[in-house]
Protein backbone atom coordinates (compact mmCIF):
# COMPACT_ATOMS: atom_id res chain seq x y z
CA MET A 1 -0.17 -14.60 9.32
CA GLY A 2 1.32 -12.25 6.71
CA VAL A 3 2.84 -8.85 7.52
CA ARG A 4 -0.22 -6.94 6.29
CA ASP A 5 -2.59 -9.23 8.26
CA HIS A 6 -0.53 -8.53 11.37
CA VAL A 7 -0.80 -4.77 10.77
CA PHE A 8 -4.57 -4.97 10.12
CA SER A 9 -5.25 -7.05 13.25
CA ASP A 10 -3.03 -4.78 15.36
CA ILE A 11 -4.91 -1.62 14.36
CA LEU A 12 -8.47 -3.00 14.01
CA SER A 13 -10.60 -5.25 16.23
CA ARG A 14 -13.67 -7.33 15.46
CA SER A 15 -15.82 -4.87 17.42
CA ASP A 16 -14.71 -2.11 15.02
CA ILE A 17 -16.05 -4.03 12.00
CA GLU A 18 -18.75 -6.51 13.02
CA ASN A 19 -22.22 -5.58 11.68
CA LYS A 20 -20.83 -2.32 10.27
CA LYS A 21 -20.94 -0.94 6.72
CA VAL A 22 -17.33 -0.96 5.51
CA LEU A 23 -15.46 0.44 2.50
CA ASP A 24 -12.22 -1.17 1.35
CA ALA A 25 -10.86 1.78 -0.63
CA GLY A 26 -8.36 0.74 -3.28
CA THR A 27 -8.56 -3.02 -2.90
CA ASP A 28 -5.91 -5.28 -4.38
CA ASP A 29 -5.08 -8.97 -4.64
CA ILE A 30 -1.73 -8.65 -2.83
CA GLY A 31 -2.49 -7.13 0.56
CA CYS A 32 -5.99 -8.66 0.44
CA SER A 33 -7.42 -6.20 2.95
CA HIS A 34 -10.91 -7.20 1.80
CA GLU A 35 -10.35 -10.77 2.99
CA PHE A 36 -9.23 -9.60 6.43
CA LEU A 37 -12.21 -7.24 6.72
CA ALA A 38 -14.67 -9.87 5.50
CA GLY A 39 -13.43 -12.25 8.20
CA LEU A 40 -14.57 -9.75 10.86
CA LYS A 41 -18.17 -10.06 9.59
CA PRO A 42 -19.30 -6.58 8.55
CA SER A 43 -22.94 -6.23 7.53
CA LYS A 44 -21.74 -4.98 4.14
CA LEU A 45 -18.26 -4.69 2.65
CA ILE A 46 -17.72 -2.78 -0.57
CA SER A 47 -14.26 -3.07 -2.16
CA ILE A 48 -13.43 -0.52 -4.82
CA SER A 49 -10.57 -0.19 -7.30
CA ILE A 50 -9.93 1.87 -10.43
CA ASP A 51 -8.22 -1.19 -11.95
CA LYS A 52 -10.88 -3.48 -13.44
CA ALA A 53 -8.37 -6.33 -13.80
CA ILE A 54 -7.78 -6.30 -10.04
CA ILE A 55 -11.53 -6.37 -9.42
CA THR A 56 -11.84 -9.44 -11.62
CA GLN A 57 -8.97 -11.20 -9.84
CA CYS A 58 -10.35 -10.43 -6.37
CA GLU A 59 -13.84 -11.63 -7.32
CA LYS A 60 -12.43 -14.95 -8.54
CA LYS A 61 -10.41 -15.51 -5.37
CA LEU A 62 -13.10 -14.50 -2.86
CA SER A 63 -14.18 -17.26 -0.51
CA ASP A 64 -17.78 -18.46 -1.00
CA GLU A 65 -18.58 -17.75 2.67
CA TYR A 66 -18.20 -14.00 2.04
CA ARG A 67 -20.12 -13.62 -1.21
CA ASP A 68 -23.44 -12.65 0.43
CA PHE A 69 -22.07 -9.44 1.94
CA VAL A 70 -18.96 -8.52 -0.11
CA GLU A 71 -19.30 -6.49 -3.30
CA PHE A 72 -16.56 -5.34 -5.69
CA ILE A 73 -16.99 -2.08 -7.57
CA SER A 74 -14.85 -0.43 -10.24
CA GLY A 75 -14.49 3.25 -9.44
CA ASP A 76 -12.24 6.21 -8.75
CA VAL A 77 -11.76 7.05 -5.07
CA THR A 78 -11.00 10.66 -5.95
CA ASN A 79 -14.62 11.05 -7.10
CA LEU A 80 -17.22 8.85 -5.39
CA LYS A 81 -20.17 11.21 -5.75
CA ASN A 82 -22.03 9.01 -8.24
CA LEU A 83 -21.54 5.95 -6.04
CA PHE A 84 -22.07 6.89 -2.39
CA PRO A 85 -23.91 9.67 -0.51
CA ASN A 86 -22.49 11.65 2.39
CA ASN A 87 -21.97 9.87 5.72
CA TYR A 88 -22.49 6.39 4.26
CA PHE A 89 -19.81 4.13 5.79
CA ASP A 90 -19.05 3.24 9.40
CA VAL A 91 -15.47 2.17 8.65
CA ILE A 92 -13.02 2.80 5.79
CA MET A 93 -9.80 0.89 5.11
CA ALA A 94 -7.26 2.69 2.91
CA ASP A 95 -4.45 0.15 2.54
CA PHE A 96 -1.59 1.74 0.54
CA LEU A 97 -4.32 3.78 -1.17
CA ILE A 98 -2.56 7.15 -1.30
CA ALA A 99 0.54 5.68 -2.99
CA ALA A 100 -1.73 3.97 -5.53
CA VAL A 101 -3.61 7.22 -6.23
CA ALA A 102 -0.25 8.93 -6.80
CA GLY A 103 0.52 6.31 -9.44
CA TRP A 104 -2.84 6.28 -11.22
CA CYS A 105 -3.96 9.90 -10.73
CA PRO A 106 -0.95 12.06 -9.83
CA PHE A 107 -1.64 15.07 -7.58
CA MET A 108 -5.16 13.82 -6.70
CA GLU A 109 -4.20 12.48 -3.27
CA ILE A 110 -5.96 15.30 -1.41
CA ASP A 111 -9.11 14.68 -3.47
CA ALA A 112 -9.07 11.04 -2.36
CA ILE A 113 -8.84 11.99 1.33
CA LYS A 114 -11.59 14.58 0.84
CA GLU A 115 -13.94 12.00 -0.69
CA LEU A 116 -13.23 9.45 2.04
CA TYR A 117 -14.01 12.11 4.64
CA ARG A 118 -17.30 12.88 2.88
CA VAL A 119 -18.57 9.27 2.74
CA LEU A 120 -17.51 8.42 6.31
CA LYS A 121 -20.14 8.81 9.02
CA PRO A 122 -19.54 11.18 11.95
CA ASN A 123 -17.55 9.26 14.59
CA GLY A 124 -16.73 6.68 11.91
CA ILE A 125 -13.31 5.00 11.79
CA ILE A 126 -10.76 5.33 8.99
CA ILE A 127 -7.51 3.36 8.68
CA PHE A 128 -4.56 4.42 6.50
CA VAL A 129 -1.73 1.95 5.91
CA GLY A 130 1.39 3.07 4.07
CA PHE A 131 5.16 2.80 3.89
CA GLU A 132 7.86 5.34 4.68
CA GLU A 133 10.96 4.83 2.57
CA PRO A 134 14.44 5.22 4.12
CA SER A 135 15.57 8.84 4.15
CA TYR A 136 17.63 10.12 1.22
CA MET A 137 19.67 12.02 3.82
CA THR A 138 21.15 8.74 5.05
CA THR A 139 24.91 8.33 5.27
CA THR A 140 24.95 4.53 5.68
CA LEU A 141 26.00 2.46 2.67
CA THR A 142 23.36 -0.19 3.41
CA GLU A 143 20.49 2.30 3.29
CA LYS A 144 21.93 3.94 0.18
CA LEU A 145 21.86 0.55 -1.56
CA ILE A 146 18.25 -0.05 -0.44
CA LEU A 147 17.29 3.33 -1.93
CA ALA A 148 19.28 2.67 -5.11
CA LEU A 149 17.44 -0.62 -5.64
CA ASN A 150 14.08 1.09 -5.08
CA ASP A 151 15.01 3.78 -7.61
CA PHE A 152 16.21 1.12 -10.06
CA ARG A 153 12.87 -0.67 -9.70
CA ASP A 154 10.97 2.54 -10.46
CA LEU A 155 13.22 3.24 -13.45
CA THR A 156 12.38 -0.15 -14.95
CA ARG A 157 8.69 0.50 -14.36
CA ILE A 158 8.89 3.79 -16.25
CA LEU A 159 10.82 2.19 -19.11
CA THR A 160 8.26 -0.59 -19.50
CA GLY A 161 5.16 1.58 -19.06
CA GLU A 162 4.18 0.40 -15.58
CA LYS A 163 2.74 2.67 -12.91
CA ILE A 164 5.10 3.77 -10.15
CA TYR A 165 4.01 4.24 -6.56
CA ARG A 166 5.12 7.37 -4.75
CA GLU A 167 5.01 6.57 -1.05
CA PHE A 168 4.02 9.29 1.40
CA THR A 169 5.65 9.78 4.78
CA LEU A 170 3.85 9.23 8.05
CA GLY A 171 4.25 12.93 8.86
CA TRP A 172 2.62 13.98 5.57
CA MET A 173 -0.36 11.70 6.22
CA LEU A 174 -0.84 12.92 9.78
CA ASP A 175 -0.71 16.55 8.63
CA ARG A 176 -3.28 15.97 5.87
CA LEU A 177 -5.68 14.13 8.18
CA GLY A 178 -5.32 16.99 10.65
CA ASP A 179 -6.17 19.46 7.89
CA PHE A 180 -9.51 17.71 7.42
CA GLY A 181 -10.26 17.57 11.13
CA PHE A 182 -9.78 13.84 11.68
CA LYS A 183 -9.07 12.85 15.28
CA ILE A 184 -6.03 10.55 15.39
CA THR A 185 -6.62 7.70 17.86
CA LYS A 186 -3.73 5.33 17.12
CA VAL A 187 -0.44 5.38 15.20
CA LYS A 188 1.86 2.37 14.86
CA LYS A 189 5.17 1.79 13.05
CA TYR A 190 6.30 -1.62 11.83
CA TYR A 191 9.99 -1.63 10.96
CA GLU A 192 11.14 -3.81 8.09
CA THR A 193 14.22 -5.97 8.58
CA TYR A 194 16.25 -5.98 5.39
CA THR A 195 17.97 -9.34 4.81
CA LEU A 196 19.46 -11.33 1.95
CA ASP A 197 15.87 -12.39 1.22
CA PHE A 198 15.03 -8.72 0.47
CA LEU A 199 17.83 -8.64 -2.12
CA ASP A 200 16.59 -11.83 -3.79
CA LYS A 201 13.02 -10.52 -3.91
CA GLN A 202 14.16 -7.21 -5.42
CA TYR A 203 16.18 -8.99 -8.07
CA ASN A 204 13.30 -11.31 -9.04
CA HIS A 205 10.77 -8.46 -9.06
CA ILE A 206 12.90 -6.12 -11.19
CA ALA A 207 13.99 -8.90 -13.54
CA ASN A 208 10.32 -9.78 -14.07
CA ILE A 209 9.53 -6.16 -14.98
CA LEU A 210 12.46 -6.08 -17.40
CA ARG A 211 11.04 -9.02 -19.35
CA LYS A 212 8.66 -6.47 -20.88
CA GLU A 213 11.55 -4.35 -22.21
CA GLN A 214 11.69 -4.83 -26.00
CA ASP A 215 15.18 -3.41 -26.48
CA GLU A 216 17.28 -6.52 -25.88
CA GLN A 217 20.59 -4.69 -25.48
CA LEU A 218 19.09 -2.31 -22.94
CA ARG A 219 17.49 -5.21 -21.05
CA ILE A 220 20.80 -7.10 -20.89
CA ALA A 221 22.68 -3.99 -19.73
CA LEU A 222 20.14 -3.25 -16.99
CA LEU A 223 20.14 -6.85 -15.77
CA SER A 224 23.94 -6.75 -15.60
CA LYS A 225 23.80 -3.56 -13.53
CA LEU A 226 21.16 -5.10 -11.28
CA ARG A 227 23.25 -8.23 -10.67
CA LYS A 228 26.23 -6.09 -9.61
CA MET A 229 24.04 -4.17 -7.14
CA ILE A 230 22.68 -7.39 -5.66
CA GLU A 231 26.17 -8.94 -5.42
CA LYS A 232 27.39 -5.84 -3.59
CA GLY A 233 24.50 -6.14 -1.16
CA LYS A 234 25.19 -9.81 -0.44
CA GLU A 235 28.72 -8.88 0.62
CA ASP A 236 27.30 -6.41 3.16
CA GLU A 237 27.33 -7.82 6.72
CA GLU A 238 24.30 -5.68 7.57
CA PHE A 239 22.13 -7.60 5.09
CA GLN A 240 23.60 -10.91 6.27
CA GLU A 241 22.67 -10.17 9.88
CA GLY A 242 19.37 -8.36 9.24
CA TYR A 243 19.27 -4.57 9.03
CA GLN A 244 16.73 -2.00 10.21
CA CYS A 245 17.00 1.53 8.83
CA LYS A 246 17.82 4.36 11.20
CA ASP A 247 15.34 6.77 9.58
CA GLY A 248 12.35 5.43 7.64
CA GLY A 249 12.08 1.93 6.26
CA PHE A 250 8.85 1.10 8.07
CA MET A 251 5.22 0.36 7.38
CA TYR A 252 2.78 2.52 9.30
CA ALA A 253 -0.87 2.36 10.28
CA ILE A 254 -3.02 5.31 11.32
CA LYS A 255 -6.42 4.92 12.98
CA ALA A 256 -8.58 8.04 13.07
CA MET A 257 -12.16 9.17 13.63
CA LYS A 258 -14.25 11.74 11.80
């Protein structure tokens, strides 16, 4: 079971989903929230994404056993008025949705929450999954390196024209859901353990992004800088033993009702 599957199963039960009309808001082919939801046998599951390429990928990968009740739609979650009426869904999954909205449609995060509130039935369930980055107020060298690598990753995305994802804190999400009148029923934190494997994954991910950089000298210079950061991290005993951040550095899940 992957990390996201563990989070989904911890926050949702079969009784929440079975025979219900469900929206997978902001589906992707990485977290695969639609596959988890489909396995709980909703009467109808609609997965929506603004990225048509992701829709195509998810459709190709979908298991044949789910094709009768799973539908993929290309659309913008900040404006669903032409797609769904008020009070339409029993359950909504928003897996890393707000960070994705911040990347695709900056400053439209509140509009997304507003639309999800509108299409959710009274007493319906909504799930938000997100990630809280380590605090920039940290004084530990290990956490500073984690943040530096995250910033370096975003820099390479900007240089190569990729979207960046601006994560939102758990506190921000709880405040916004409270603003709309959602009743919070469950909140869970899942702390990430940062190991040497994290450093290797960051290097491979950033190096892959940098392959798109057309300025060869700049690409070489950035890769050199990245290697030095990774080498520094591998000398850190905290990474060797497995490190959990003191403030932030966790995935979170919020379960709420309208």
